[in-house]
N, C-alpha and C. Protein backbone atom coordinates (compact mmCIF):
# COMPACT_ATOMS: atom_id res chain seq x y z
N MET A 1 3.42 -41.22 18.68
CA MET A 1 3.28 -39.79 18.43
C MET A 1 2.64 -39.15 19.59
N GLY A 2 3.21 -38.05 20.08
CA GLY A 2 2.61 -37.30 21.15
C GLY A 2 1.74 -36.08 20.75
N PHE A 3 1.08 -35.62 21.71
CA PHE A 3 0.20 -34.33 21.53
C PHE A 3 1.13 -33.23 21.18
N PHE A 4 0.61 -32.20 20.55
CA PHE A 4 1.22 -30.87 20.19
C PHE A 4 0.25 -29.93 19.81
N ASP A 5 0.67 -28.68 19.61
CA ASP A 5 -0.23 -27.59 19.07
C ASP A 5 0.41 -27.14 17.83
N TYR A 6 -0.45 -26.49 16.92
CA TYR A 6 0.00 -25.80 15.77
C TYR A 6 0.37 -24.38 16.12
N VAL A 7 1.30 -23.76 15.53
CA VAL A 7 1.52 -22.27 15.76
C VAL A 7 1.31 -21.57 14.44
N ARG A 8 0.46 -20.41 14.62
CA ARG A 8 0.24 -19.58 13.41
C ARG A 8 1.38 -18.72 13.35
N PHE A 9 2.29 -18.90 12.37
CA PHE A 9 3.42 -18.15 12.21
C PHE A 9 4.16 -18.48 10.81
N GLU A 10 4.63 -17.41 10.23
CA GLU A 10 5.20 -17.52 8.88
C GLU A 10 6.64 -16.93 8.92
N TYR A 11 7.59 -17.71 8.50
CA TYR A 11 8.97 -17.24 8.55
C TYR A 11 9.73 -18.12 7.50
N PRO A 12 10.70 -17.48 6.81
CA PRO A 12 11.38 -18.43 5.74
C PRO A 12 12.31 -19.34 6.20
N CYS A 13 12.41 -20.43 5.55
CA CYS A 13 13.41 -21.48 5.91
C CYS A 13 14.83 -20.80 5.88
N LYS A 14 15.57 -21.28 6.93
CA LYS A 14 16.98 -20.62 7.06
C LYS A 14 17.85 -21.12 6.00
N LYS A 15 17.52 -22.19 5.28
CA LYS A 15 18.47 -22.83 4.33
C LYS A 15 18.02 -22.25 2.83
N CYS A 16 16.77 -22.46 2.39
CA CYS A 16 16.33 -22.25 1.05
C CYS A 16 15.30 -20.91 0.93
N GLY A 17 14.85 -20.48 2.03
CA GLY A 17 13.92 -19.28 1.98
C GLY A 17 12.48 -19.44 1.76
N THR A 18 12.20 -20.82 1.55
CA THR A 18 10.70 -21.13 1.39
C THR A 18 9.90 -20.61 2.69
N VAL A 19 8.83 -19.99 2.38
CA VAL A 19 8.04 -19.37 3.76
C VAL A 19 7.37 -20.69 4.34
N LEU A 20 7.75 -20.91 5.55
CA LEU A 20 7.18 -21.97 6.32
C LEU A 20 6.03 -21.63 7.11
N THR A 21 4.90 -22.38 7.13
CA THR A 21 3.64 -22.03 7.79
C THR A 21 3.18 -23.20 8.71
N ASP A 22 3.87 -24.42 8.68
CA ASP A 22 3.35 -25.55 9.46
C ASP A 22 4.17 -25.73 10.69
N TRP A 23 4.20 -24.68 11.56
CA TRP A 23 4.96 -24.73 12.74
C TRP A 23 4.16 -25.53 13.97
N GLN A 24 4.90 -26.20 14.78
CA GLN A 24 4.28 -27.02 15.87
C GLN A 24 5.15 -26.66 17.19
N THR A 25 4.44 -26.92 18.33
CA THR A 25 5.05 -26.84 19.59
C THR A 25 4.38 -27.86 20.58
N LYS A 26 5.26 -28.19 21.65
CA LYS A 26 4.73 -29.00 22.71
C LYS A 26 4.85 -28.12 23.86
N ASP A 27 5.01 -26.85 23.73
CA ASP A 27 5.11 -25.92 24.92
C ASP A 27 3.81 -24.98 24.89
N GLY A 28 2.73 -25.56 24.68
CA GLY A 28 1.46 -24.89 24.70
C GLY A 28 0.51 -25.82 25.48
N LEU A 29 -0.75 -25.87 25.06
CA LEU A 29 -1.73 -26.66 25.71
C LEU A 29 -1.64 -28.16 25.33
N MET A 30 -0.96 -28.42 24.16
CA MET A 30 -0.70 -29.78 23.68
C MET A 30 -2.19 -30.51 23.51
N ALA A 31 -3.12 -29.70 22.92
CA ALA A 31 -4.44 -30.18 22.65
C ALA A 31 -4.70 -29.98 21.18
N ILE A 32 -3.73 -30.04 20.25
CA ILE A 32 -3.95 -30.00 18.89
C ILE A 32 -4.69 -28.72 18.61
N GLU A 33 -4.37 -27.64 19.18
CA GLU A 33 -5.01 -26.35 19.03
C GLU A 33 -4.10 -25.52 18.15
N THR A 34 -4.56 -24.39 17.53
CA THR A 34 -3.75 -23.46 16.77
C THR A 34 -3.54 -22.20 17.60
N LEU A 35 -2.27 -21.95 18.00
CA LEU A 35 -1.86 -20.86 18.90
C LEU A 35 -1.22 -19.79 18.07
N GLU A 36 -1.15 -18.49 18.73
CA GLU A 36 -0.50 -17.57 18.20
C GLU A 36 0.84 -17.56 18.88
N ILE A 37 1.93 -16.98 18.14
CA ILE A 37 3.35 -16.97 18.61
C ILE A 37 3.51 -16.41 20.11
N GLY A 38 2.61 -15.64 20.49
CA GLY A 38 2.68 -14.98 21.92
C GLY A 38 2.02 -16.02 22.83
N ASP A 39 1.30 -16.95 22.45
CA ASP A 39 0.77 -18.04 23.35
C ASP A 39 1.64 -19.11 23.81
N ILE A 40 2.86 -19.23 23.22
CA ILE A 40 3.75 -20.24 23.51
C ILE A 40 4.31 -19.99 24.88
N ASN A 41 4.54 -21.10 25.65
CA ASN A 41 5.14 -20.91 27.09
C ASN A 41 6.56 -20.32 26.79
N ASN A 42 6.90 -19.31 27.72
CA ASN A 42 8.19 -18.73 27.60
C ASN A 42 9.24 -19.63 27.74
N GLY A 43 10.26 -19.63 26.86
CA GLY A 43 11.31 -20.59 26.73
C GLY A 43 11.00 -21.81 26.08
N GLY A 44 9.80 -21.96 25.44
CA GLY A 44 9.42 -23.01 24.59
C GLY A 44 9.99 -23.09 23.22
N LEU A 45 9.74 -24.13 22.50
CA LEU A 45 10.36 -24.32 21.21
C LEU A 45 9.14 -24.40 20.22
N ILE A 46 9.48 -23.86 18.98
CA ILE A 46 8.56 -24.03 17.77
C ILE A 46 9.39 -24.72 16.76
N TYR A 47 8.89 -25.53 15.89
CA TYR A 47 9.67 -26.31 15.05
C TYR A 47 8.83 -26.72 13.80
N THR A 48 9.55 -26.81 12.71
CA THR A 48 8.93 -27.34 11.44
C THR A 48 10.06 -27.92 10.50
N SER A 49 9.76 -28.80 9.52
CA SER A 49 10.68 -29.13 8.55
C SER A 49 10.24 -28.66 7.34
N CYS A 50 11.17 -28.13 6.43
CA CYS A 50 10.93 -27.50 5.19
C CYS A 50 10.60 -28.58 4.14
N ASP A 51 9.53 -28.53 3.47
CA ASP A 51 9.10 -29.55 2.49
C ASP A 51 10.17 -29.48 1.19
N ASN A 52 10.57 -28.28 0.93
CA ASN A 52 11.38 -27.87 -0.14
C ASN A 52 12.83 -28.56 -0.14
N CYS A 53 13.49 -28.27 1.02
CA CYS A 53 14.90 -28.75 1.18
C CYS A 53 15.16 -29.64 2.36
N ASN A 54 14.08 -30.03 3.14
CA ASN A 54 14.24 -30.81 4.24
C ASN A 54 14.98 -30.39 5.47
N MET A 55 15.26 -29.11 5.57
CA MET A 55 16.02 -28.48 6.65
C MET A 55 15.05 -28.46 7.83
N TRP A 56 15.48 -28.84 8.97
CA TRP A 56 14.79 -28.72 10.23
C TRP A 56 15.05 -27.20 10.82
N ASN A 57 13.88 -26.52 11.04
CA ASN A 57 13.92 -25.23 11.55
C ASN A 57 13.31 -25.29 12.92
N GLN A 58 13.98 -24.77 13.98
CA GLN A 58 13.58 -24.84 15.29
C GLN A 58 14.01 -23.60 16.09
N TYR A 59 13.15 -23.01 16.84
CA TYR A 59 13.54 -21.85 17.44
C TYR A 59 12.96 -21.79 18.95
N LYS A 60 13.76 -21.30 19.83
CA LYS A 60 13.38 -21.05 21.22
C LYS A 60 12.64 -19.73 21.29
N VAL A 61 11.46 -19.74 22.03
CA VAL A 61 10.67 -18.56 22.09
C VAL A 61 10.93 -17.89 23.47
N THR A 62 11.30 -16.58 23.47
CA THR A 62 11.50 -15.89 24.63
C THR A 62 10.58 -14.62 24.71
N ILE A 63 9.67 -14.43 25.58
CA ILE A 63 8.64 -13.43 25.56
C ILE A 63 8.97 -12.45 26.59
N ASN A 64 9.14 -11.15 26.32
CA ASN A 64 9.43 -10.11 27.26
C ASN A 64 8.24 -9.30 27.46
N TYR A 65 7.76 -9.10 28.66
CA TYR A 65 6.61 -8.44 29.01
C TYR A 65 6.77 -6.92 29.44
N ASN A 66 5.69 -6.18 29.22
CA ASN A 66 5.65 -4.77 29.80
C ASN A 66 5.59 -4.97 31.22
N ASN A 67 5.72 -3.76 31.93
CA ASN A 67 5.46 -3.70 33.40
C ASN A 67 4.04 -3.27 33.80
N ASP A 68 3.24 -3.03 32.86
CA ASP A 68 1.81 -2.64 33.17
C ASP A 68 0.93 -3.55 32.48
N ASP A 69 -0.38 -3.48 32.73
CA ASP A 69 -1.44 -4.19 32.11
C ASP A 69 -2.07 -3.62 30.93
N ILE A 70 -1.57 -2.60 30.34
CA ILE A 70 -2.22 -1.91 29.33
C ILE A 70 -1.78 -2.66 27.85
N GLN A 71 -2.47 -2.28 26.84
CA GLN A 71 -2.24 -2.88 25.52
C GLN A 71 -0.76 -2.40 25.22
N GLY A 72 0.01 -3.34 24.81
CA GLY A 72 1.51 -3.05 24.62
C GLY A 72 1.77 -3.24 23.02
N TYR A 73 2.99 -2.92 22.74
CA TYR A 73 3.43 -2.97 21.36
C TYR A 73 4.62 -4.12 21.34
N VAL A 74 4.47 -5.03 20.39
CA VAL A 74 5.25 -6.18 20.35
C VAL A 74 6.25 -6.15 19.04
N SER A 75 7.31 -6.49 19.32
CA SER A 75 8.35 -6.67 18.14
C SER A 75 8.85 -8.13 18.13
N VAL A 76 8.85 -8.81 16.99
CA VAL A 76 9.40 -10.12 16.99
C VAL A 76 10.76 -10.20 16.25
N TYR A 77 11.55 -10.84 16.94
CA TYR A 77 13.10 -10.84 16.43
C TYR A 77 13.46 -12.31 16.18
N ILE A 78 14.23 -12.57 15.19
CA ILE A 78 14.78 -13.96 15.07
C ILE A 78 16.27 -13.60 14.85
N ASN A 79 17.08 -14.25 15.72
CA ASN A 79 18.49 -14.21 15.59
C ASN A 79 18.99 -12.62 15.49
N GLY A 80 18.45 -11.78 16.29
CA GLY A 80 18.62 -10.32 16.26
C GLY A 80 17.97 -9.54 15.15
N LYS A 81 17.18 -10.15 14.27
CA LYS A 81 16.56 -9.38 13.15
C LYS A 81 15.12 -9.22 13.41
N LYS A 82 14.72 -8.00 13.55
CA LYS A 82 13.26 -7.74 13.66
C LYS A 82 12.41 -8.16 12.47
N ILE A 83 11.43 -8.98 12.66
CA ILE A 83 10.71 -9.55 11.59
C ILE A 83 9.24 -9.02 11.45
N TYR A 84 8.64 -8.49 12.61
CA TYR A 84 7.36 -7.74 12.44
C TYR A 84 7.01 -7.23 13.89
N ASN A 85 6.06 -6.24 13.77
CA ASN A 85 5.67 -5.63 14.86
C ASN A 85 4.04 -5.78 14.97
N SER A 86 3.48 -5.96 16.04
CA SER A 86 1.93 -5.96 16.30
C SER A 86 1.68 -5.50 17.61
N THR A 87 0.45 -5.31 17.97
CA THR A 87 0.08 -5.20 19.40
C THR A 87 -0.48 -6.20 20.11
N GLN A 88 -0.04 -6.52 21.33
CA GLN A 88 -0.54 -7.64 22.07
C GLN A 88 -0.59 -7.15 23.58
N LYS A 89 -1.38 -7.54 24.46
CA LYS A 89 -1.51 -7.19 25.75
C LYS A 89 -0.28 -7.61 26.56
N MET A 90 0.42 -6.63 27.19
CA MET A 90 1.42 -6.93 28.19
C MET A 90 2.73 -7.54 27.57
N ILE A 91 2.88 -7.77 26.21
CA ILE A 91 4.10 -8.25 25.68
C ILE A 91 4.96 -7.08 25.04
N SER A 92 6.17 -6.89 25.34
CA SER A 92 6.95 -5.77 24.75
C SER A 92 7.73 -6.40 23.53
N ASN A 93 8.28 -7.56 23.68
CA ASN A 93 8.83 -8.17 22.34
C ASN A 93 8.99 -9.77 22.66
N ILE A 94 9.16 -10.48 21.45
CA ILE A 94 9.35 -11.88 21.38
C ILE A 94 10.67 -12.06 20.67
N VAL A 95 11.50 -12.86 21.26
CA VAL A 95 12.79 -13.19 20.72
C VAL A 95 12.91 -14.62 20.40
N LEU A 96 13.25 -15.02 19.19
CA LEU A 96 13.31 -16.49 18.78
C LEU A 96 14.82 -16.66 18.55
N GLU A 97 15.35 -17.81 19.08
CA GLU A 97 16.70 -18.17 19.13
C GLU A 97 16.85 -19.51 18.34
N ASP A 98 17.63 -19.46 17.17
CA ASP A 98 17.78 -20.64 16.47
C ASP A 98 18.44 -21.85 17.40
N THR A 99 17.78 -22.98 17.40
CA THR A 99 18.24 -23.97 18.31
C THR A 99 18.62 -25.30 17.53
N ALA A 100 18.47 -25.19 16.22
CA ALA A 100 18.81 -26.43 15.43
C ALA A 100 19.69 -26.00 14.17
N ASP A 101 20.71 -26.88 14.11
CA ASP A 101 21.60 -26.43 12.94
C ASP A 101 21.95 -27.77 12.18
N PHE A 102 21.04 -28.66 12.02
CA PHE A 102 21.39 -29.80 11.34
C PHE A 102 20.20 -29.94 10.25
N GLU A 103 20.53 -30.65 9.24
CA GLU A 103 19.51 -31.06 8.08
C GLU A 103 18.75 -32.33 8.43
N ASP A 104 17.45 -32.17 8.11
CA ASP A 104 16.67 -33.42 8.31
C ASP A 104 16.70 -34.12 6.95
N ASN A 105 17.27 -35.33 6.80
CA ASN A 105 17.43 -35.99 5.68
C ASN A 105 16.48 -37.17 5.60
N ALA A 106 15.48 -37.21 6.32
CA ALA A 106 14.35 -38.19 6.42
C ALA A 106 13.54 -38.34 5.21
């Protein structure tokens, strides 16, 4: 088992709708820290398995930045659907692309 980080993020399972909160990534510090979604390396993956239906949920994180250093407005999208807005420095939006389409039957 390798090192990873936890990601503070809530999103429903793409199969059953259960809200998933146990996201992980290997595209951060890999120090078993808890990161915000905006702290993931651009192009990195977040992933988790649903305890309710065993569906593997995995998304590629793309972060788009503002052109200036002021506090910016961020919108988070998954597969083209806006899921929330917040403020973060220099980030204009975060796009998550579904990169897994198989069921985890383990």
